Amino acid sequence: MAQQAAALQTYNNELVKCFDDLCSKREELSLQIKLEEEEKERLQHDIRSLSEKLSRVNESLAQKMAAHNTIDRTIAETEAAYTKILESSQSLLSVLKQQAGNFSKTSEPRRKEH
């Protein structure tokens, strides 16, 4: 019987040791879980913050691109209109020169022929 009691005591000691080891591992895992949950919350906050910032930047970028496109269109229209003005001015100048030439011919005194 003493032998069985000694074996039982040995098993009990090992059982208590295993139980203590398991409790230690659980505490260690609990700490790791807590740290990772805190990191997860921090990362989720960063993601929300970065998502909001990205949204603001995208909105600003879209507005600036629209303004840029409007300016490009205005420049193109202005250049086209200015080219037409130059062409019209050139035509007007040509007509005026031609008319001035005609007027000078008609206003010259005629020479008498012998």
N, C-alpha and C. Protein backbone atom coordinates (compact mmCIF):
# COMPACT_ATOMS: atom_id res chain seq x y z
N MET A 1 0.80 -1.16 0.00
CA MET A 1 0.00 0.00 0.00
C MET A 1 0.86 1.25 0.00
N ALA A 2 1.95 1.20 0.69
CA ALA A 2 2.84 2.35 0.74
C ALA A 2 3.35 2.66 -0.66
N GLN A 3 3.57 1.60 -1.39
CA GLN A 3 4.07 1.78 -2.75
C GLN A 3 3.01 2.47 -3.61
N GLN A 4 1.78 2.09 -3.46
CA GLN A 4 0.70 2.71 -4.22
C GLN A 4 0.51 4.17 -3.82
N ALA A 5 0.65 4.44 -2.52
CA ALA A 5 0.53 5.81 -2.03
C ALA A 5 1.66 6.66 -2.61
N ALA A 6 2.87 6.09 -2.69
CA ALA A 6 4.01 6.83 -3.24
C ALA A 6 3.77 7.10 -4.72
N ALA A 7 3.25 6.11 -5.45
CA ALA A 7 2.96 6.29 -6.87
C ALA A 7 1.88 7.34 -7.05
N LEU A 8 0.87 7.28 -6.18
CA LEU A 8 -0.21 8.25 -6.25
C LEU A 8 0.32 9.66 -5.98
N GLN A 9 1.22 9.76 -5.02
CA GLN A 9 1.82 11.06 -4.69
C GLN A 9 2.64 11.57 -5.88
N THR A 10 3.38 10.69 -6.55
CA THR A 10 4.18 11.07 -7.72
C THR A 10 3.26 11.56 -8.83
N TYR A 11 2.19 10.80 -9.08
CA TYR A 11 1.24 11.21 -10.12
C TYR A 11 0.61 12.55 -9.78
N ASN A 12 0.27 12.68 -8.49
CA ASN A 12 -0.34 13.94 -8.06
C ASN A 12 0.62 15.11 -8.26
N ASN A 13 1.89 14.91 -7.90
CA ASN A 13 2.88 15.98 -8.08
C ASN A 13 3.03 16.34 -9.56
N GLU A 14 3.09 15.35 -10.41
CA GLU A 14 3.21 15.59 -11.86
C GLU A 14 1.96 16.29 -12.38
N LEU A 15 0.79 15.86 -11.88
CA LEU A 15 -0.47 16.47 -12.29
C LEU A 15 -0.50 17.95 -11.90
N VAL A 16 -0.09 18.26 -10.68
CA VAL A 16 -0.05 19.64 -10.21
C VAL A 16 0.94 20.44 -11.04
N LYS A 17 2.11 19.85 -11.34
CA LYS A 17 3.13 20.53 -12.16
C LYS A 17 2.58 20.81 -13.56
N CYS A 18 1.94 19.83 -14.18
CA CYS A 18 1.36 20.01 -15.52
C CYS A 18 0.27 21.07 -15.49
N PHE A 19 -0.55 21.02 -14.42
CA PHE A 19 -1.62 22.00 -14.29
C PHE A 19 -1.04 23.41 -14.15
N ASP A 20 0.00 23.55 -13.33
CA ASP A 20 0.66 24.86 -13.15
C ASP A 20 1.28 25.35 -14.47
N ASP A 21 1.91 24.42 -15.20
CA ASP A 21 2.50 24.78 -16.50
C ASP A 21 1.41 25.26 -17.46
N LEU A 22 0.30 24.53 -17.46
CA LEU A 22 -0.82 24.89 -18.34
C LEU A 22 -1.38 26.27 -17.95
N CYS A 23 -1.51 26.54 -16.67
CA CYS A 23 -1.99 27.85 -16.20
C CYS A 23 -1.00 28.94 -16.60
N SER A 24 0.28 28.67 -16.51
CA SER A 24 1.31 29.62 -16.92
C SER A 24 1.21 29.93 -18.40
N LYS A 25 1.04 28.86 -19.20
CA LYS A 25 0.90 29.06 -20.65
C LYS A 25 -0.35 29.88 -20.97
N ARG A 26 -1.43 29.61 -20.23
CA ARG A 26 -2.66 30.36 -20.45
C ARG A 26 -2.46 31.84 -20.13
N GLU A 27 -1.76 32.13 -19.04
CA GLU A 27 -1.49 33.53 -18.68
C GLU A 27 -0.61 34.21 -19.75
N GLU A 28 0.37 33.47 -20.23
CA GLU A 28 1.25 34.01 -21.27
C GLU A 28 0.44 34.28 -22.54
N LEU A 29 -0.41 33.31 -22.93
CA LEU A 29 -1.26 33.50 -24.11
C LEU A 29 -2.24 34.65 -23.92
N SER A 30 -2.78 34.77 -22.71
CA SER A 30 -3.71 35.86 -22.42
C SER A 30 -3.01 37.21 -22.61
N LEU A 31 -1.78 37.32 -22.14
CA LEU A 31 -1.01 38.55 -22.30
C LEU A 31 -0.75 38.83 -23.79
N GLN A 32 -0.35 37.80 -24.53
CA GLN A 32 -0.11 37.96 -25.97
C GLN A 32 -1.39 38.37 -26.70
N ILE A 33 -2.50 37.74 -26.32
CA ILE A 33 -3.79 38.08 -26.93
C ILE A 33 -4.13 39.54 -26.64
N LYS A 34 -3.95 39.96 -25.39
CA LYS A 34 -4.25 41.34 -25.02
C LYS A 34 -3.38 42.31 -25.84
N LEU A 35 -2.10 42.02 -25.96
CA LEU A 35 -1.19 42.88 -26.72
C LEU A 35 -1.58 42.94 -28.20
N GLU A 36 -1.93 41.78 -28.75
CA GLU A 36 -2.32 41.75 -30.16
C GLU A 36 -3.67 42.44 -30.38
N GLU A 37 -4.58 42.32 -29.43
CA GLU A 37 -5.86 43.03 -29.56
C GLU A 37 -5.64 44.54 -29.51
N GLU A 38 -4.71 44.99 -28.64
CA GLU A 38 -4.38 46.41 -28.58
C GLU A 38 -3.75 46.87 -29.90
N GLU A 39 -2.86 46.05 -30.44
CA GLU A 39 -2.24 46.38 -31.72
C GLU A 39 -3.29 46.41 -32.83
N LYS A 40 -4.20 45.44 -32.79
CA LYS A 40 -5.28 45.39 -33.78
C LYS A 40 -6.12 46.66 -33.72
N GLU A 41 -6.49 47.10 -32.51
CA GLU A 41 -7.26 48.33 -32.35
C GLU A 41 -6.48 49.53 -32.89
N ARG A 42 -5.20 49.58 -32.58
CA ARG A 42 -4.35 50.67 -33.05
C ARG A 42 -4.28 50.68 -34.58
N LEU A 43 -4.12 49.50 -35.16
CA LEU A 43 -4.05 49.39 -36.62
C LEU A 43 -5.39 49.76 -37.26
N GLN A 44 -6.50 49.32 -36.65
CA GLN A 44 -7.81 49.66 -37.19
C GLN A 44 -8.04 51.18 -37.12
N HIS A 45 -7.59 51.79 -36.04
CA HIS A 45 -7.69 53.25 -35.93
C HIS A 45 -6.85 53.91 -37.02
N ASP A 46 -5.63 53.41 -37.22
CA ASP A 46 -4.76 53.96 -38.28
C ASP A 46 -5.40 53.79 -39.65
N ILE A 47 -6.01 52.63 -39.88
CA ILE A 47 -6.67 52.37 -41.17
C ILE A 47 -7.82 53.35 -41.38
N ARG A 48 -8.65 53.53 -40.34
CA ARG A 48 -9.76 54.50 -40.45
C ARG A 48 -9.22 55.90 -40.75
N SER A 49 -8.19 56.27 -39.99
CA SER A 49 -7.60 57.60 -40.16
C SER A 49 -7.02 57.76 -41.56
N LEU A 50 -6.29 56.75 -42.01
CA LEU A 50 -5.70 56.81 -43.36
C LEU A 50 -6.77 56.76 -44.44
N SER A 51 -7.83 56.00 -44.22
CA SER A 51 -8.92 55.94 -45.19
C SER A 51 -9.61 57.30 -45.32
N GLU A 52 -9.82 57.96 -44.19
CA GLU A 52 -10.42 59.29 -44.23
C GLU A 52 -9.50 60.26 -44.95
N LYS A 53 -8.21 60.19 -44.65
CA LYS A 53 -7.24 61.07 -45.30
C LYS A 53 -7.19 60.78 -46.80
N LEU A 54 -7.21 59.51 -47.17
CA LEU A 54 -7.21 59.13 -48.59
C LEU A 54 -8.46 59.67 -49.28
N SER A 55 -9.58 59.59 -48.61
CA SER A 55 -10.83 60.09 -49.17
C SER A 55 -10.74 61.60 -49.41
N ARG A 56 -10.19 62.33 -48.43
CA ARG A 56 -10.04 63.79 -48.60
C ARG A 56 -9.08 64.10 -49.74
N VAL A 57 -7.98 63.37 -49.83
CA VAL A 57 -7.01 63.60 -50.90
C VAL A 57 -7.63 63.28 -52.26
N ASN A 58 -8.38 62.18 -52.34
CA ASN A 58 -9.05 61.83 -53.60
C ASN A 58 -10.04 62.90 -54.02
N GLU A 59 -10.78 63.42 -53.07
CA GLU A 59 -11.77 64.47 -53.36
C GLU A 59 -11.06 65.74 -53.85
N SER A 60 -10.01 66.12 -53.16
CA SER A 60 -9.24 67.31 -53.54
C SER A 60 -8.61 67.11 -54.92
N LEU A 61 -8.07 65.93 -55.14
CA LEU A 61 -7.45 65.61 -56.42
C LEU A 61 -8.47 65.67 -57.55
N ALA A 62 -9.65 65.15 -57.33
CA ALA A 62 -10.70 65.18 -58.35
C ALA A 62 -11.09 66.62 -58.68
N GLN A 63 -11.21 67.46 -57.65
CA GLN A 63 -11.55 68.86 -57.88
C GLN A 63 -10.44 69.57 -58.67
N LYS A 64 -9.21 69.30 -58.30
CA LYS A 64 -8.08 69.94 -58.99
C LYS A 64 -7.96 69.45 -60.43
N MET A 65 -8.22 68.17 -60.64
CA MET A 65 -8.16 67.64 -62.01
C MET A 65 -9.28 68.24 -62.86
N ALA A 66 -10.46 68.42 -62.27
CA ALA A 66 -11.57 69.04 -63.00
C ALA A 66 -11.22 70.48 -63.36
N ALA A 67 -10.63 71.21 -62.41
CA ALA A 67 -10.22 72.59 -62.67
C ALA A 67 -9.14 72.63 -63.75
N HIS A 68 -8.21 71.68 -63.68
CA HIS A 68 -7.14 71.59 -64.68
C HIS A 68 -7.72 71.35 -66.07
N ASN A 69 -8.68 70.44 -66.15
CA ASN A 69 -9.33 70.14 -67.44
C ASN A 69 -10.08 71.36 -67.96
N THR A 70 -10.74 72.09 -67.07
CA THR A 70 -11.45 73.30 -67.47
C THR A 70 -10.47 74.34 -68.01
N ILE A 71 -9.35 74.50 -67.33
CA ILE A 71 -8.33 75.44 -67.79
C ILE A 71 -7.77 75.01 -69.14
N ASP A 72 -7.50 73.71 -69.30
CA ASP A 72 -7.01 73.20 -70.59
C ASP A 72 -8.00 73.52 -71.71
N ARG A 73 -9.29 73.30 -71.44
CA ARG A 73 -10.34 73.56 -72.43
C ARG A 73 -10.40 75.06 -72.76
N THR A 74 -10.31 75.89 -71.73
CA THR A 74 -10.36 77.34 -71.93
C THR A 74 -9.15 77.81 -72.74
N ILE A 75 -7.99 77.27 -72.44
CA ILE A 75 -6.78 77.63 -73.20
C ILE A 75 -6.94 77.23 -74.66
N ALA A 76 -7.42 76.02 -74.90
CA ALA A 76 -7.60 75.54 -76.28
C ALA A 76 -8.60 76.43 -77.03
N GLU A 77 -9.72 76.77 -76.38
CA GLU A 77 -10.73 77.62 -77.01
C GLU A 77 -10.17 79.02 -77.27
N THR A 78 -9.40 79.54 -76.32
CA THR A 78 -8.80 80.87 -76.47
C THR A 78 -7.79 80.88 -77.61
N GLU A 79 -6.97 79.84 -77.69
CA GLU A 79 -5.99 79.76 -78.78
C GLU A 79 -6.69 79.68 -80.13
N ALA A 80 -7.77 78.91 -80.20
CA ALA A 80 -8.52 78.78 -81.46
C ALA A 80 -9.14 80.13 -81.83
N ALA A 81 -9.72 80.82 -80.86
CA ALA A 81 -10.33 82.12 -81.13
C ALA A 81 -9.27 83.13 -81.54
N TYR A 82 -8.13 83.10 -80.87
CA TYR A 82 -7.04 84.03 -81.21
C TYR A 82 -6.52 83.76 -82.62
N THR A 83 -6.43 82.50 -82.99
CA THR A 83 -6.00 82.15 -84.36
C THR A 83 -7.00 82.71 -85.37
N LYS A 84 -8.28 82.61 -85.08
CA LYS A 84 -9.30 83.16 -85.97
C LYS A 84 -9.17 84.68 -86.05
N ILE A 85 -8.90 85.33 -84.92
CA ILE A 85 -8.71 86.78 -84.91
C ILE A 85 -7.52 87.16 -85.78
N LEU A 86 -6.42 86.41 -85.65
CA LEU A 86 -5.24 86.69 -86.47
C LEU A 86 -5.55 86.52 -87.96
N GLU A 87 -6.26 85.45 -88.28
CA GLU A 87 -6.61 85.21 -89.68
C GLU A 87 -7.52 86.33 -90.20
N SER A 88 -8.50 86.75 -89.38
CA SER A 88 -9.40 87.83 -89.78
C SER A 88 -8.63 89.14 -89.92
N SER A 89 -7.71 89.40 -89.02
CA SER A 89 -6.90 90.61 -89.10
C SER A 89 -6.06 90.61 -90.37
N GLN A 90 -5.51 89.47 -90.70
CA GLN A 90 -4.69 89.35 -91.91
C GLN A 90 -5.56 89.60 -93.15
N SER A 91 -6.76 89.02 -93.15
CA SER A 91 -7.67 89.23 -94.27
C SER A 91 -8.08 90.70 -94.36
N LEU A 92 -8.40 91.30 -93.22
CA LEU A 92 -8.80 92.70 -93.20
C LEU A 92 -7.66 93.59 -93.70
N LEU A 93 -6.46 93.31 -93.24
CA LEU A 93 -5.31 94.09 -93.69
C LEU A 93 -5.12 93.96 -95.19
N SER A 94 -5.28 92.75 -95.69
CA SER A 94 -5.13 92.51 -97.12
C SER A 94 -6.17 93.30 -97.90
N VAL A 95 -7.43 93.28 -97.45
CA VAL A 95 -8.51 94.01 -98.12
C VAL A 95 -8.23 95.51 -98.06
N LEU A 96 -7.82 96.01 -96.90
CA LEU A 96 -7.53 97.43 -96.77
C LEU A 96 -6.40 97.87 -97.68
N LYS A 97 -5.36 97.06 -97.75
CA LYS A 97 -4.25 97.39 -98.64
C LYS A 97 -4.72 97.42 -100.09
N GLN A 98 -5.54 96.46 -100.45
CA GLN A 98 -6.06 96.40 -101.82
C GLN A 98 -6.92 97.63 -102.10
N GLN A 99 -7.79 97.98 -101.17
CA GLN A 99 -8.65 99.15 -101.33
C GLN A 99 -7.82 100.43 -101.37
N ALA A 100 -6.82 100.51 -100.53
CA ALA A 100 -5.96 101.69 -100.53
C ALA A 100 -5.25 101.81 -101.86
N GLY A 101 -4.83 100.68 -102.42
CA GLY A 101 -4.19 100.69 -103.73
C GLY A 101 -5.16 101.15 -104.79
N ASN A 102 -6.38 100.71 -104.73
CA ASN A 102 -7.41 101.12 -105.69
C ASN A 102 -7.70 102.62 -105.57
N PHE A 103 -7.76 103.13 -104.34
CA PHE A 103 -8.03 104.54 -104.13
C PHE A 103 -6.89 105.40 -104.64
N SER A 104 -5.70 104.93 -104.43
CA SER A 104 -4.56 105.73 -104.89
C SER A 104 -4.52 105.76 -106.40
N LYS A 105 -4.96 104.70 -107.05
CA LYS A 105 -4.98 104.68 -108.51
C LYS A 105 -6.04 105.65 -109.04
N THR A 106 -7.16 105.71 -108.38
CA THR A 106 -8.23 106.58 -108.85
C THR A 106 -7.98 108.04 -108.50
N SER A 107 -7.17 108.28 -107.50
CA SER A 107 -6.94 109.66 -107.10
C SER A 107 -5.73 110.28 -107.79
N GLU A 108 -4.98 109.50 -108.53
CA GLU A 108 -3.83 110.06 -109.26
C GLU A 108 -4.35 110.92 -110.42
N PRO A 109 -3.70 112.07 -110.67
CA PRO A 109 -4.13 112.88 -111.81
C PRO A 109 -3.82 112.16 -113.10
N ARG A 110 -4.72 112.32 -114.03
CA ARG A 110 -4.52 111.66 -115.33
C ARG A 110 -3.61 112.52 -116.18
N ARG A 111 -2.78 111.88 -116.88
CA ARG A 111 -1.88 112.59 -117.78
C ARG A 111 -2.56 112.80 -119.13
N LYS A 112 -2.29 113.91 -119.62
CA LYS A 112 -2.85 114.19 -120.96
C LYS A 112 -2.06 113.48 -122.00
N GLU A 113 -2.73 112.93 -122.89
CA GLU A 113 -2.06 112.22 -123.97
C GLU A 113 -1.92 113.16 -125.14
N HIS A 114 -0.83 113.15 -125.86
CA HIS A 114 -0.56 114.02 -127.00
C HIS A 114 -1.00 113.42 -128.25
